[in-house]
Amino acid sequence: MSIFKRIKNILSKPEPQKAERGILSIGPGDVCEVSLVTYQVVGRTQNRQRNLIVLTLQDGASIRYLTIEERERTLYALYEPIDGRLDSVDEVPTVIELDDRTYHMEEQYNGFITAAGKTPFFQGGEQYVWQYQSDDMKLLRVEWQDGRFMLYEGEDVLPADVRVLRGS
């Protein structure tokens, strides 16, 4: 190696390290772990107004949905889809009784979402969301977009129980 190449190597800046992908930046093709279960991320919706992301997770044949909302602290909840229907977006109740459990509405909001990969809604657009909680801390989420309702039942997840294993 010539003296000029050695001096060039000494004076050149080292390559910056690649930033580790965080849970807020993962999308379809990535792998994450939630409560010791490994999932492949197959879809992602994002509501930028609320700083909210919903990841569609697949483990074999089972599908789950991880909501990540960044507020004062990052909040996580893991849902699974349930069968059910509501008749009208104008008649969503404030109290829902489901399987001997009573859910009370905590929050209702709407906003524009973007979608990527396999999600319950094929494209972005205006989405309405109702979030409920029962006395035993179980969660219920109702989404409406383009005339279609989706219902999910789940629970909060501790931040330590969520981690990115492999990014694409």
Protein backbone atom coordinates (compact mmCIF):
# COMPACT_ATOMS: atom_id res chain seq x y z
CA MET A 1 0.00 0.00 0.00
CA SER A 2 1.42 3.36 -0.95
CA ILE A 3 2.01 6.14 1.55
CA PHE A 4 -0.64 8.26 -0.17
CA LYS A 5 -3.33 5.60 0.32
CA ARG A 6 -2.39 5.27 3.98
CA ILE A 7 -2.67 9.02 4.53
CA LYS A 8 -5.97 9.06 2.64
CA ASN A 9 -7.33 6.27 4.88
CA ILE A 10 -6.22 8.11 8.02
CA LEU A 11 -7.79 11.39 6.93
CA SER A 12 -11.02 9.97 5.47
CA LYS A 13 -14.12 10.04 7.60
CA PRO A 14 -15.41 6.70 8.77
CA GLU A 15 -18.74 5.59 7.30
CA PRO A 16 -21.61 6.56 9.57
CA GLN A 17 -23.28 3.66 11.31
CA LYS A 18 -26.69 2.76 10.00
CA ALA A 19 -29.37 3.80 12.43
CA GLU A 20 -31.14 0.86 13.98
CA ARG A 21 -34.71 0.57 12.74
CA GLY A 22 -37.19 1.41 15.43
CA ILE A 23 -40.67 0.04 15.88
CA LEU A 24 -42.17 3.25 14.43
CA SER A 25 -40.32 2.84 11.13
CA ILE A 26 -40.94 -0.83 10.34
CA GLY A 27 -43.23 -1.96 7.58
CA PRO A 28 -44.12 -4.90 5.32
CA GLY A 29 -41.31 -7.44 5.11
CA ASP A 30 -39.88 -6.72 8.56
CA VAL A 31 -39.98 -9.11 11.53
CA CYS A 32 -40.86 -8.15 15.09
CA GLU A 33 -41.52 -9.84 18.39
CA VAL A 34 -44.52 -9.05 20.56
CA SER A 35 -44.91 -10.76 23.94
CA LEU A 36 -42.39 -13.47 22.97
CA VAL A 37 -44.20 -14.33 19.71
CA THR A 38 -42.39 -13.66 16.44
CA TYR A 39 -44.45 -12.06 13.67
CA GLN A 40 -43.81 -10.99 10.11
CA VAL A 41 -45.13 -7.52 9.34
CA VAL A 42 -47.36 -7.86 6.27
CA GLY A 43 -49.14 -4.50 6.32
CA ARG A 44 -49.07 -1.03 7.80
CA THR A 45 -51.50 1.85 8.11
CA GLN A 46 -50.51 5.23 9.43
CA ASN A 47 -52.49 8.19 10.71
CA ARG A 48 -50.00 11.07 10.72
CA GLN A 49 -52.41 13.45 12.48
CA ARG A 50 -52.43 11.23 15.58
CA ASN A 51 -48.92 9.81 15.19
CA LEU A 52 -50.54 6.36 15.11
CA ILE A 53 -49.41 3.23 13.27
CA VAL A 54 -51.30 -0.06 12.94
CA LEU A 55 -49.15 -3.01 11.87
CA THR A 56 -50.72 -6.14 10.39
CA LEU A 57 -48.77 -9.05 11.89
CA GLN A 58 -48.80 -12.64 10.70
CA ASP A 59 -47.60 -15.74 12.54
CA GLY A 60 -48.43 -18.76 10.42
CA ALA A 61 -52.16 -18.57 9.76
CA SER A 62 -52.97 -16.16 12.62
CA ILE A 63 -53.30 -12.44 12.00
CA ARG A 64 -52.91 -9.81 14.73
CA TYR A 65 -52.83 -6.03 14.70
CA LEU A 66 -50.37 -3.98 16.73
CA THR A 67 -51.30 -0.36 17.33
CA ILE A 68 -48.48 2.00 18.18
CA GLU A 69 -49.36 5.52 19.24
CA GLU A 70 -46.73 8.03 20.22
CA ARG A 71 -48.03 10.46 22.82
CA GLU A 72 -46.18 11.55 25.99
CA ARG A 73 -44.97 7.97 25.87
CA THR A 74 -45.38 5.29 23.26
CA LEU A 75 -48.51 3.17 23.76
CA TYR A 76 -48.88 -0.36 22.36
CA ALA A 77 -51.93 -2.60 22.04
CA LEU A 78 -52.28 -5.99 20.36
CA TYR A 79 -55.62 -6.85 18.75
CA GLU A 80 -57.19 -9.73 16.91
CA PRO A 81 -60.15 -9.36 14.55
CA ILE A 82 -63.56 -10.49 15.76
CA ASP A 83 -66.83 -11.19 14.01
CA GLY A 84 -69.48 -8.58 14.41
CA ARG A 85 -71.18 -5.79 12.59
CA LEU A 86 -72.73 -2.43 13.13
CA ASP A 87 -75.50 -1.04 10.98
CA SER A 88 -74.50 2.58 10.55
CA VAL A 89 -71.56 4.86 11.22
CA ASP A 90 -74.07 7.31 12.73
CA GLU A 91 -75.31 4.78 15.30
CA VAL A 92 -72.10 3.54 16.97
CA PRO A 93 -73.04 3.12 20.65
CA THR A 94 -71.08 4.49 23.61
CA VAL A 95 -71.49 1.16 25.45
CA ILE A 96 -71.10 -2.25 23.79
CA GLU A 97 -71.81 -5.57 25.46
CA LEU A 98 -69.90 -8.46 23.92
CA ASP A 99 -69.47 -11.98 25.33
CA ASP A 100 -70.59 -11.01 28.87
CA ARG A 101 -68.14 -8.09 28.91
CA THR A 102 -69.20 -4.46 28.81
CA TYR A 103 -67.03 -2.01 26.90
CA HIS A 104 -67.28 1.75 27.43
CA MET A 105 -66.18 4.22 24.79
CA GLU A 106 -62.93 5.97 25.69
CA GLU A 107 -62.22 7.84 22.51
CA GLN A 108 -63.59 8.53 19.04
CA TYR A 109 -61.61 10.17 16.26
CA ASN A 110 -61.21 10.29 12.52
CA GLY A 111 -58.35 11.08 10.20
CA PHE A 112 -56.67 10.33 6.91
CA ILE A 113 -54.63 7.10 6.79
CA THR A 114 -52.10 5.75 4.36
CA ALA A 115 -51.90 1.98 3.77
CA ALA A 116 -49.10 -0.31 2.60
CA GLY A 117 -49.10 -4.09 2.21
CA LYS A 118 -51.93 -6.33 3.39
CA THR A 119 -54.31 -4.36 5.57
CA PRO A 120 -58.05 -4.61 6.29
CA PHE A 121 -58.53 -1.52 4.11
CA PHE A 122 -56.92 -1.74 0.70
CA GLN A 123 -56.17 1.93 0.26
CA GLY A 124 -55.72 5.03 2.33
CA GLY A 125 -58.48 7.50 2.97
CA GLU A 126 -60.69 8.94 5.67
CA GLN A 127 -61.09 6.51 8.58
CA TYR A 128 -63.24 6.69 11.70
CA VAL A 129 -62.16 4.91 14.88
CA TRP A 130 -63.92 4.19 18.16
CA GLN A 131 -61.88 2.83 21.07
CA TYR A 132 -63.47 1.10 24.04
CA GLN A 133 -62.23 -0.38 27.31
CA SER A 134 -63.85 -2.78 29.75
CA ASP A 135 -63.58 -2.76 33.54
CA ASP A 136 -61.08 -5.65 33.36
CA MET A 137 -58.80 -3.62 31.01
CA LYS A 138 -59.71 -5.45 27.78
CA LEU A 139 -59.84 -3.29 24.68
CA LEU A 140 -62.26 -3.09 21.77
CA ARG A 141 -61.53 -1.14 18.60
CA VAL A 142 -64.03 -0.34 15.87
CA GLU A 143 -62.84 1.06 12.53
CA TRP A 144 -64.95 2.32 9.63
CA GLN A 145 -63.73 3.25 6.17
CA ASP A 146 -65.44 3.27 2.79
CA GLY A 147 -68.65 1.72 4.16
CA ARG A 148 -66.87 -1.18 5.89
CA PHE A 149 -66.62 -1.88 9.63
CA MET A 150 -63.83 -3.86 11.29
CA LEU A 151 -63.95 -4.91 14.95
CA TYR A 152 -60.96 -5.95 17.03
CA GLU A 153 -60.56 -7.19 20.59
CA GLY A 154 -57.26 -6.93 22.44
CA GLU A 155 -55.21 -5.65 25.32
CA ASP A 156 -52.40 -3.26 26.11
CA VAL A 157 -48.82 -4.46 25.63
CA LEU A 158 -45.84 -3.31 27.68
CA PRO A 159 -43.17 -1.44 25.68
CA ALA A 160 -40.53 -3.96 26.84
CA ASP A 161 -42.54 -6.74 25.17
CA VAL A 162 -42.18 -5.22 21.66
CA ARG A 163 -38.95 -5.28 19.66
CA VAL A 164 -37.74 -5.30 16.06
CA LEU A 165 -35.87 -8.46 15.12
CA ARG A 166 -35.07 -7.82 11.49
CA GLY A 167 -35.71 -4.91 9.19
CA SER A 168 -35.86 -5.11 5.43
